[in-house]
Amino acid sequence: MAEKKTLGQEFTKGLVKENPVLRLVLGTCPTLAVTTSVENAIGMGIAATIVLICSNVVISALRKVIPSKVRIPCFIVIIAAFVTMVQLFVKAFAPALDASLGIFLPLIVVNCIILGRAEAFASKNAVVASAVDGVGMGIGFTIALVLMAAIREFFGSFNLTLKVLGFGTQVSLADPLASIGIEPILIFILAPGGFFVFGLLIALANKIAEDKGLARAELKSCAECPMAASCAVKAAGEECAE
């Protein structure tokens, strides 16, 4: 029988040990797409965290009511409702962020992290534990996004945006560095740069994990997904883009 974790352990596992991006290798599409600036990364992280917490709580509260055969459609409806609320809020109060995130904000509905936690944790555990799991996984997701975005934005433009929903400032070293002949490495804010930085962070996470005696992070096949039994993509013999 698996050892029951405390609420503190449920929270901290998502930060490092089971970080959804660097350890579980989930949510890679938004990770690569929105990390061209720290502002975008923070916005996406906050939005995903809110959806993750709210959906975990509702799904956990309804776990004994939702029929097993239709649980995935029910999970998606619940998640979609919260994503819609978050998107409308962002449109109203941070239209620039909404424009920057584009399609990736509504696509939180099918983010593997959100659906994976709903299926693997919230549907099997109490409300409080599910809420704590959502907070930990959401913060872990945000940390990974911000770390990756900070590296890409700085080396790609020599700027570092420290704004959250329009409040804050931007630190720029472009002019001082240009005066001594150092130019930004533009590839960092392009798609190849995203893959390069992501690969470096995964390698670093694996090295730290090995030093601590933990398993390496690996991109799992669809068979390892918590929703594999009911996934139409797997049934068609394809591989999931996440």
C-alpha atoms as a PDB file:
ATOM      1  CA  MET A   1       0.000   0.000   0.000  1.00  0.00           C
ATOM      2  CA  ALA A   2       1.337   3.439  -0.954  1.00  0.00           C
ATOM      3  CA  GLU A   3       2.342   5.698   1.921  1.00  0.00           C
ATOM      4  CA  LYS A   4      -0.211   8.435   2.551  1.00  0.00           C
ATOM      5  CA  LYS A   5       1.300  11.886   2.022  1.00  0.00           C
ATOM      6  CA  THR A   6       0.737  14.886   4.272  1.00  0.00           C
ATOM      7  CA  LEU A   7      -0.721  18.105   2.876  1.00  0.00           C
ATOM      8  CA  GLY A   8       2.758  19.621   2.993  1.00  0.00           C
ATOM      9  CA  GLN A   9       4.128  16.794   0.864  1.00  0.00           C
ATOM     10  CA  GLU A  10       1.232  17.109  -1.573  1.00  0.00           C
ATOM     11  CA  PHE A  11       2.084  20.777  -1.993  1.00  0.00           C
ATOM     12  CA  THR A  12       5.862  20.514  -2.356  1.00  0.00           C
ATOM     13  CA  LYS A  13       5.881  17.549  -4.761  1.00  0.00           C
ATOM     14  CA  GLY A  14       4.720  19.757  -7.639  1.00  0.00           C
ATOM     15  CA  LEU A  15       7.455  22.315  -7.054  1.00  0.00           C
ATOM     16  CA  VAL A  16      10.475  20.091  -7.686  1.00  0.00           C
ATOM     17  CA  LYS A  17      10.101  16.320  -7.288  1.00  0.00           C
ATOM     18  CA  GLU A  18       7.079  16.029  -9.603  1.00  0.00           C
ATOM     19  CA  ASN A  19       7.335  19.358 -11.408  1.00  0.00           C
ATOM     20  CA  PRO A  20       4.814  18.989 -14.251  1.00  0.00           C
ATOM     21  CA  VAL A  21       7.136  20.468 -16.887  1.00  0.00           C
ATOM     22  CA  LEU A  22      10.674  19.542 -15.857  1.00  0.00           C
ATOM     23  CA  ARG A  23       9.959  16.169 -14.225  1.00  0.00           C
ATOM     24  CA  LEU A  24       6.703  14.837 -15.719  1.00  0.00           C
ATOM     25  CA  VAL A  25       7.259  16.534 -19.114  1.00  0.00           C
ATOM     26  CA  LEU A  26       3.631  17.650 -19.450  1.00  0.00           C
ATOM     27  CA  GLY A  27       2.185  20.830 -20.934  1.00  0.00           C
ATOM     28  CA  THR A  28       5.105  21.209 -23.339  1.00  0.00           C
ATOM     29  CA  CYS A  29       3.092  23.027 -26.041  1.00  0.00           C
ATOM     30  CA  PRO A  30       2.217  26.132 -23.948  1.00  0.00           C
ATOM     31  CA  THR A  31       5.639  25.931 -22.307  1.00  0.00           C
ATOM     32  CA  LEU A  32       7.403  26.337 -25.640  1.00  0.00           C
ATOM     33  CA  ALA A  33       4.876  28.787 -27.090  1.00  0.00           C
ATOM     34  CA  VAL A  34       4.368  31.454 -24.409  1.00  0.00           C
ATOM     35  CA  THR A  35       7.819  31.658 -22.817  1.00  0.00           C
ATOM     36  CA  THR A  36       9.119  34.413 -25.106  1.00  0.00           C
ATOM     37  CA  SER A  37       8.610  36.881 -22.240  1.00  0.00           C
ATOM     38  CA  VAL A  38       8.377  36.663 -18.464  1.00  0.00           C
ATOM     39  CA  GLU A  39       5.094  38.599 -18.501  1.00  0.00           C
ATOM     40  CA  ASN A  40       3.466  35.998 -20.746  1.00  0.00           C
ATOM     41  CA  ALA A  41       4.864  33.176 -18.605  1.00  0.00           C
ATOM     42  CA  ILE A  42       3.501  34.660 -15.381  1.00  0.00           C
ATOM     43  CA  GLY A  43       0.112  35.305 -16.985  1.00  0.00           C
ATOM     44  CA  MET A  44      -0.175  31.761 -18.313  1.00  0.00           C
ATOM     45  CA  GLY A  45       1.044  30.307 -15.025  1.00  0.00           C
ATOM     46  CA  ILE A  46      -1.491  32.248 -12.952  1.00  0.00           C
ATOM     47  CA  ALA A  47      -4.344  31.382 -15.330  1.00  0.00           C
ATOM     48  CA  ALA A  48      -3.471  27.677 -15.356  1.00  0.00           C
ATOM     49  CA  THR A  49      -3.052  27.619 -11.565  1.00  0.00           C
ATOM     50  CA  ILE A  50      -6.487  29.165 -10.971  1.00  0.00           C
ATOM     51  CA  VAL A  51      -8.116  26.670 -13.338  1.00  0.00           C
ATOM     52  CA  LEU A  52      -6.175  23.795 -11.789  1.00  0.00           C
ATOM     53  CA  ILE A  53      -7.191  24.645  -8.220  1.00  0.00           C
ATOM     54  CA  CYS A  54     -10.863  25.308  -9.021  1.00  0.00           C
ATOM     55  CA  SER A  55     -11.308  22.264 -11.252  1.00  0.00           C
ATOM     56  CA  ASN A  56      -9.538  19.992  -8.749  1.00  0.00           C
ATOM     57  CA  VAL A  57     -11.833  21.177  -5.952  1.00  0.00           C
ATOM     58  CA  VAL A  58     -15.066  20.730  -7.948  1.00  0.00           C
ATOM     59  CA  ILE A  59     -14.064  17.381  -9.446  1.00  0.00           C
ATOM     60  CA  SER A  60     -13.024  16.078  -6.027  1.00  0.00           C
ATOM     61  CA  ALA A  61     -16.327  17.251  -4.492  1.00  0.00           C
ATOM     62  CA  LEU A  62     -18.275  15.493  -7.263  1.00  0.00           C
ATOM     63  CA  ARG A  63     -16.077  12.396  -7.531  1.00  0.00           C
ATOM     64  CA  LYS A  64     -18.718  10.098  -5.990  1.00  0.00           C
ATOM     65  CA  VAL A  65     -21.491  11.547  -8.141  1.00  0.00           C
ATOM     66  CA  ILE A  66     -19.910  11.554 -11.616  1.00  0.00           C
ATOM     67  CA  PRO A  67     -20.433   8.173 -13.349  1.00  0.00           C
ATOM     68  CA  SER A  68     -17.154   6.487 -14.229  1.00  0.00           C
ATOM     69  CA  LYS A  69     -18.076   5.937 -17.895  1.00  0.00           C
ATOM     70  CA  VAL A  70     -18.578   9.664 -18.557  1.00  0.00           C
ATOM     71  CA  ARG A  71     -16.015  11.087 -16.172  1.00  0.00           C
ATOM     72  CA  ILE A  72     -13.679  12.491 -18.861  1.00  0.00           C
ATOM     73  CA  PRO A  73     -16.427  14.513 -20.646  1.00  0.00           C
ATOM     74  CA  CYS A  74     -17.593  15.751 -17.235  1.00  0.00           C
ATOM     75  CA  PHE A  75     -14.050  16.757 -16.289  1.00  0.00           C
ATOM     76  CA  ILE A  76     -13.661  18.667 -19.550  1.00  0.00           C
ATOM     77  CA  VAL A  77     -16.958  20.523 -19.043  1.00  0.00           C
ATOM     78  CA  ILE A  78     -15.917  21.558 -15.521  1.00  0.00           C
ATOM     79  CA  ILE A  79     -12.452  22.641 -16.671  1.00  0.00           C
ATOM     80  CA  ALA A  80     -13.887  24.497 -19.679  1.00  0.00           C
ATOM     81  CA  ALA A  81     -16.239  26.464 -17.410  1.00  0.00           C
ATOM     82  CA  PHE A  82     -13.346  27.747 -15.296  1.00  0.00           C
ATOM     83  CA  VAL A  83     -11.175  28.433 -18.358  1.00  0.00           C
ATOM     84  CA  THR A  84     -13.986  30.547 -19.815  1.00  0.00           C
ATOM     85  CA  MET A  85     -14.261  32.544 -16.579  1.00  0.00           C
ATOM     86  CA  VAL A  86     -10.497  33.141 -16.479  1.00  0.00           C
ATOM     87  CA  GLN A  87     -10.384  34.097 -20.150  1.00  0.00           C
ATOM     88  CA  LEU A  88     -13.206  36.628 -19.755  1.00  0.00           C
ATOM     89  CA  PHE A  89     -11.450  38.115 -16.726  1.00  0.00           C
ATOM     90  CA  VAL A  90      -8.166  38.435 -18.644  1.00  0.00           C
ATOM     91  CA  LYS A  91      -9.966  39.977 -21.653  1.00  0.00           C
ATOM     92  CA  ALA A  92     -11.577  42.557 -19.390  1.00  0.00           C
ATOM     93  CA  PHE A  93      -8.622  43.531 -17.203  1.00  0.00           C
ATOM     94  CA  ALA A  94      -5.513  42.581 -19.238  1.00  0.00           C
ATOM     95  CA  PRO A  95      -6.379  42.739 -22.960  1.00  0.00           C
ATOM     96  CA  ALA A  96      -2.702  43.002 -23.936  1.00  0.00           C
ATOM     97  CA  LEU A  97      -1.932  39.762 -22.103  1.00  0.00           C
ATOM     98  CA  ASP A  98      -4.960  38.115 -23.717  1.00  0.00           C
ATOM     99  CA  ALA A  99      -3.645  39.130 -27.147  1.00  0.00           C
ATOM    100  CA  SER A 100      -0.147  37.835 -26.309  1.00  0.00           C
ATOM    101  CA  LEU A 101      -1.336  34.445 -25.052  1.00  0.00           C
ATOM    102  CA  GLY A 102      -3.767  34.086 -27.944  1.00  0.00           C
ATOM    103  CA  ILE A 103      -5.157  30.603 -28.530  1.00  0.00           C
ATOM    104  CA  PHE A 104      -3.080  29.101 -25.711  1.00  0.00           C
ATOM    105  CA  LEU A 105      -5.323  30.656 -23.049  1.00  0.00           C
ATOM    106  CA  PRO A 106      -8.503  28.790 -24.106  1.00  0.00           C
ATOM    107  CA  LEU A 107      -6.393  25.703 -24.837  1.00  0.00           C
ATOM    108  CA  ILE A 108      -5.838  25.340 -21.081  1.00  0.00           C
ATOM    109  CA  VAL A 109      -9.003  23.210 -21.352  1.00  0.00           C
ATOM    110  CA  VAL A 110      -7.011  20.377 -22.914  1.00  0.00           C
ATOM    111  CA  ASN A 111      -3.734  20.966 -21.096  1.00  0.00           C
ATOM    112  CA  CYS A 112      -2.402  17.572 -20.015  1.00  0.00           C
ATOM    113  CA  ILE A 113      -1.483  18.938 -16.587  1.00  0.00           C
ATOM    114  CA  ILE A 114      -5.071  19.994 -15.828  1.00  0.00           C
ATOM    115  CA  LEU A 115      -6.709  16.840 -17.171  1.00  0.00           C
ATOM    116  CA  GLY A 116      -3.982  14.632 -15.724  1.00  0.00           C
ATOM    117  CA  ARG A 117      -4.426  15.960 -12.182  1.00  0.00           C
ATOM    118  CA  ALA A 118      -8.208  15.667 -12.494  1.00  0.00           C
ATOM    119  CA  GLU A 119      -7.994  12.020 -13.499  1.00  0.00           C
ATOM    120  CA  ALA A 120      -4.987  10.902 -11.462  1.00  0.00           C
ATOM    121  CA  PHE A 121      -5.563  12.840  -8.243  1.00  0.00           C
ATOM    122  CA  ALA A 122      -8.725  14.942  -7.813  1.00  0.00           C
ATOM    123  CA  SER A 123     -11.082  12.120  -8.795  1.00  0.00           C
ATOM    124  CA  LYS A 124      -9.549   9.875  -6.125  1.00  0.00           C
ATOM    125  CA  ASN A 125      -8.826  12.206  -3.194  1.00  0.00           C
ATOM    126  CA  ALA A 126     -10.562  14.577  -0.777  1.00  0.00           C
ATOM    127  CA  VAL A 127     -11.288  18.225  -1.562  1.00  0.00           C
ATOM    128  CA  VAL A 128      -8.600  19.779   0.649  1.00  0.00           C
ATOM    129  CA  ALA A 129      -5.849  17.473  -0.617  1.00  0.00           C
ATOM    130  CA  SER A 130      -6.961  18.113  -4.213  1.00  0.00           C
ATOM    131  CA  ALA A 131      -6.847  21.878  -3.681  1.00  0.00           C
ATOM    132  CA  VAL A 132      -3.343  21.641  -2.205  1.00  0.00           C
ATOM    133  CA  ASP A 133      -2.257  19.424  -5.101  1.00  0.00           C
ATOM    134  CA  GLY A 134      -3.588  22.043  -7.533  1.00  0.00           C
ATOM    135  CA  VAL A 135      -1.718  24.853  -5.782  1.00  0.00           C
ATOM    136  CA  GLY A 136       1.571  22.935  -5.766  1.00  0.00           C
ATOM    137  CA  MET A 137       1.328  21.770  -9.375  1.00  0.00           C
ATOM    138  CA  GLY A 138       0.232  25.223 -10.527  1.00  0.00           C
ATOM    139  CA  ILE A 139       3.130  26.976  -8.792  1.00  0.00           C
ATOM    140  CA  GLY A 140       5.542  24.352 -10.130  1.00  0.00           C
ATOM    141  CA  PHE A 141       4.211  24.946 -13.652  1.00  0.00           C
ATOM    142  CA  THR A 142       4.577  28.719 -13.211  1.00  0.00           C
ATOM    143  CA  ILE A 143       8.135  28.408 -11.882  1.00  0.00           C
ATOM    144  CA  ALA A 144       9.170  26.337 -14.897  1.00  0.00           C
ATOM    145  CA  LEU A 145       7.543  28.812 -17.309  1.00  0.00           C
ATOM    146  CA  VAL A 146       9.129  31.866 -15.670  1.00  0.00           C
ATOM    147  CA  LEU A 147      12.575  30.264 -15.497  1.00  0.00           C
ATOM    148  CA  MET A 148      12.468  29.336 -19.164  1.00  0.00           C
ATOM    149  CA  ALA A 149      11.023  32.716 -20.193  1.00  0.00           C
ATOM    150  CA  ALA A 150      13.645  34.667 -18.218  1.00  0.00           C
ATOM    151  CA  ILE A 151      16.461  32.853 -20.033  1.00  0.00           C
ATOM    152  CA  ARG A 152      14.869  33.252 -23.473  1.00  0.00           C
ATOM    153  CA  GLU A 153      13.858  36.887 -23.037  1.00  0.00           C
ATOM    154  CA  PHE A 154      17.162  38.031 -21.586  1.00  0.00           C
ATOM    155  CA  PHE A 155      19.451  36.379 -24.122  1.00  0.00           C
ATOM    156  CA  GLY A 156      17.040  37.046 -26.994  1.00  0.00           C
ATOM    157  CA  SER A 157      16.579  40.780 -26.388  1.00  0.00           C
ATOM    158  CA  PHE A 158      18.690  41.715 -23.341  1.00  0.00           C
ATOM    159  CA  ASN A 159      15.415  42.805 -21.719  1.00  0.00           C
ATOM    160  CA  LEU A 160      13.716  41.343 -18.666  1.00  0.00           C
ATOM    161  CA  THR A 161      10.041  42.165 -18.206  1.00  0.00           C
ATOM    162  CA  LEU A 162       9.028  42.325 -14.546  1.00  0.00           C
ATOM    163  CA  LYS A 163       5.375  43.113 -15.103  1.00  0.00           C
ATOM    164  CA  VAL A 164       2.298  41.268 -13.841  1.00  0.00           C
ATOM    165  CA  LEU A 165      -1.005  42.225 -15.488  1.00  0.00           C
ATOM    166  CA  GLY A 166       0.459  45.547 -16.552  1.00  0.00           C
ATOM    167  CA  PHE A 167       2.030  46.497 -13.209  1.00  0.00           C
ATOM    168  CA  GLY A 168       5.794  46.580 -12.853  1.00  0.00           C
ATOM    169  CA  THR A 169       8.749  47.556 -14.974  1.00  0.00           C
ATOM    170  CA  GLN A 170      11.134  46.370 -17.659  1.00  0.00           C
ATOM    171  CA  VAL A 171      14.885  46.113 -17.159  1.00  0.00           C
ATOM    172  CA  SER A 172      16.883  46.596 -20.357  1.00  0.00           C
ATOM    173  CA  LEU A 173      20.595  46.020 -20.935  1.00  0.00           C
ATOM    174  CA  ALA A 174      20.297  46.272 -24.714  1.00  0.00           C
ATOM    175  CA  ASP A 175      21.843  49.739 -25.085  1.00  0.00           C
ATOM    176  CA  PRO A 176      24.775  49.271 -22.660  1.00  0.00           C
ATOM    177  CA  LEU A 177      25.691  45.909 -24.197  1.00  0.00           C
ATOM    178  CA  ALA A 178      25.251  47.231 -27.755  1.00  0.00           C
ATOM    179  CA  SER A 179      27.706  50.032 -26.942  1.00  0.00           C
ATOM    180  CA  ILE A 180      30.435  47.428 -26.383  1.00  0.00           C
ATOM    181  CA  GLY A 181      29.484  45.406 -29.449  1.00  0.00           C
ATOM    182  CA  ILE A 182      27.362  42.678 -27.870  1.00  0.00           C
ATOM    183  CA  GLU A 183      24.127  41.972 -29.724  1.00  0.00           C
ATOM    184  CA  PRO A 184      21.115  39.888 -28.579  1.00  0.00           C
ATOM    185  CA  ILE A 185      20.970  36.245 -29.675  1.00  0.00           C
ATOM    186  CA  LEU A 186      17.658  36.419 -31.529  1.00  0.00           C
ATOM    187  CA  ILE A 187      17.288  32.663 -31.885  1.00  0.00           C
ATOM    188  CA  PHE A 188      16.398  32.481 -28.174  1.00  0.00           C
ATOM    189  CA  ILE A 189      13.021  34.165 -28.768  1.00  0.00           C
ATOM    190  CA  LEU A 190      12.310  32.022 -31.832  1.00  0.00           C
ATOM    191  CA  ALA A 191      10.953  28.464 -31.817  1.00  0.00           C
ATOM    192  CA  PRO A 192      14.375  26.720 -32.049  1.00  0.00           C
ATOM    193  CA  GLY A 193      15.523  28.706 -29.014  1.00  0.00           C
ATOM    194  CA  GLY A 194      12.551  27.432 -27.039  1.00  0.00           C
ATOM    195  CA  PHE A 195      13.486  23.819 -27.745  1.00  0.00           C
ATOM    196  CA  PHE A 196      17.143  24.546 -26.936  1.00  0.00           C
ATOM    197  CA  VAL A 197      16.403  26.132 -23.542  1.00  0.00           C
ATOM    198  CA  PHE A 198      13.800  23.466 -22.713  1.00  0.00           C
ATOM    199  CA  GLY A 199      16.340  20.735 -23.463  1.00  0.00           C
ATOM    200  CA  LEU A 200      18.957  22.398 -21.251  1.00  0.00           C
ATOM    201  CA  LEU A 201      16.513  22.727 -18.338  1.00  0.00           C
ATOM    202  CA  ILE A 202      15.422  19.082 -18.682  1.00  0.00           C
ATOM    203  CA  ALA A 203      19.086  18.013 -18.702  1.00  0.00           C
ATOM    204  CA  LEU A 204      19.744  20.098 -15.575  1.00  0.00           C
ATOM    205  CA  ALA A 205      16.660  18.648 -13.860  1.00  0.00           C
ATOM    206  CA  ASN A 206      17.813  15.125 -14.740  1.00  0.00           C
ATOM    207  CA  LYS A 207      21.301  15.781 -13.368  1.00  0.00           C
ATOM    208  CA  ILE A 208      19.880  17.074 -10.076  1.00  0.00           C
ATOM    209  CA  ALA A 209      17.474  14.104  -9.915  1.00  0.00           C
ATOM    210  CA  GLU A 210      20.286  11.601 -10.478  1.00  0.00           C
ATOM    211  CA  ASP A 211      22.382  13.232  -7.753  1.00  0.00           C
ATOM    212  CA  LYS A 212      19.430  12.775  -5.384  1.00  0.00           C
ATOM    213  CA  GLY A 213      18.847   9.164  -6.474  1.00  0.00           C
ATOM    214  CA  LEU A 214      15.604   9.897  -8.343  1.00  0.00           C
ATOM    215  CA  ALA A 215      14.547   8.619 -11.749  1.00  0.00           C
ATOM    216  CA  ARG A 216      15.308  10.695 -14.846  1.00  0.00           C
ATOM    217  CA  ALA A 217      12.494  12.662 -16.473  1.00  0.00           C
ATOM    218  CA  GLU A 218      11.459  11.008 -19.725  1.00  0.00           C
ATOM    219  CA  LEU A 219       8.851  11.760 -22.376  1.00  0.00           C
ATOM    220  CA  LYS A 220       6.328   8.992 -21.757  1.00  0.00           C
ATOM    221  CA  SER A 221       4.267   7.247 -24.386  1.00  0.00           C
ATOM    222  CA  CYS A 222       0.477   7.567 -24.388  1.00  0.00           C
ATOM    223  CA  ALA A 223       0.265   4.297 -22.461  1.00  0.00           C
ATOM    224  CA  GLU A 224       1.655   6.074 -19.389  1.00  0.00           C
ATOM    225  CA  CYS A 225      -1.021   8.800 -19.427  1.00  0.00           C
ATOM    226  CA  PRO A 226      -3.629   8.630 -16.619  1.00  0.00           C
ATOM    227  CA  MET A 227      -6.362   8.945 -19.273  1.00  0.00           C
ATOM    228  CA  ALA A 228      -4.933   6.318 -21.642  1.00  0.00           C
ATOM    229  CA  ALA A 229      -7.857   3.921 -21.181  1.00  0.00           C
ATOM    230  CA  SER A 230     -10.392   6.454 -22.451  1.00  0.00           C
ATOM    231  CA  CYS A 231      -8.255   8.488 -24.871  1.00  0.00           C
ATOM    232  CA  ALA A 232      -9.469   8.642 -28.478  1.00  0.00           C
ATOM    233  CA  VAL A 233      -5.996   9.650 -29.689  1.00  0.00           C
ATOM    234  CA  LYS A 234      -4.444   6.465 -28.274  1.00  0.00           C
ATOM    235  CA  ALA A 235      -7.308   4.355 -29.628  1.00  0.00           C
ATOM    236  CA  ALA A 236      -6.551   5.691 -33.122  1.00  0.00           C
ATOM    237  CA  GLY A 237      -2.943   4.574 -32.792  1.00  0.00           C
ATOM    238  CA  GLU A 238      -1.521   8.122 -32.695  1.00  0.00           C
ATOM    239  CA  GLU A 239       0.669   9.936 -30.217  1.00  0.00           C
ATOM    240  CA  CYS A 240      -0.494  12.907 -28.138  1.00  0.00           C
ATOM    241  CA  ALA A 241       1.056  16.288 -28.996  1.00  0.00           C
ATOM    242  CA  GLU A 242       1.494  17.097 -25.296  1.00  0.00           C
END
